[in-house]
Amino acid sequence: MEEFVQISLDKYDTLKYNNDYLKQALKQEQELHSEHIAKLQMNICDLNSKIEDLKKYILDYRCKYMDTKEGTVEDYLERNALYYGMNDMKSLLNLGFTYAEMDEAIKKQYEVYKKEQSKDD
């Protein structure tokens, strides 16, 4: 069963205008929200990239005292040894670095030092 409401044309026009206005305002707000989300995602990507660069820098800095003539890469990867290839391993772990990241950095740095040493010889 359908029911009808009688209102004046003036009230109907006002309600229709308000309804259209609210639809337009909602559309603009959604577009603005989408733009904000896109900007935030770009900022997140930029920050993640900067974090990765800083992590690489920190890891490279912490393992720059390796002697490729004296030790092997296995020596520097031994975590319980005195000459683990990463300086101040515990503080790096507290910062959120993993053993895998540190080991990977040690291997890369060892290879770089090994190549430099072979060029010098």
Foldseek 3Di string as FASTA:
>chain_A
DDDDDDDDPVVVVVVVVVVVVVVVVVVVVVVVVVVVVVVVVVVVVVVVVVVVVVVLVQLLVQQQPDDLVPDDLVQLLPPVDPNNRGPPVVVVVVVPDDSVVNSVSSVVNSVVVVVVVVVVD
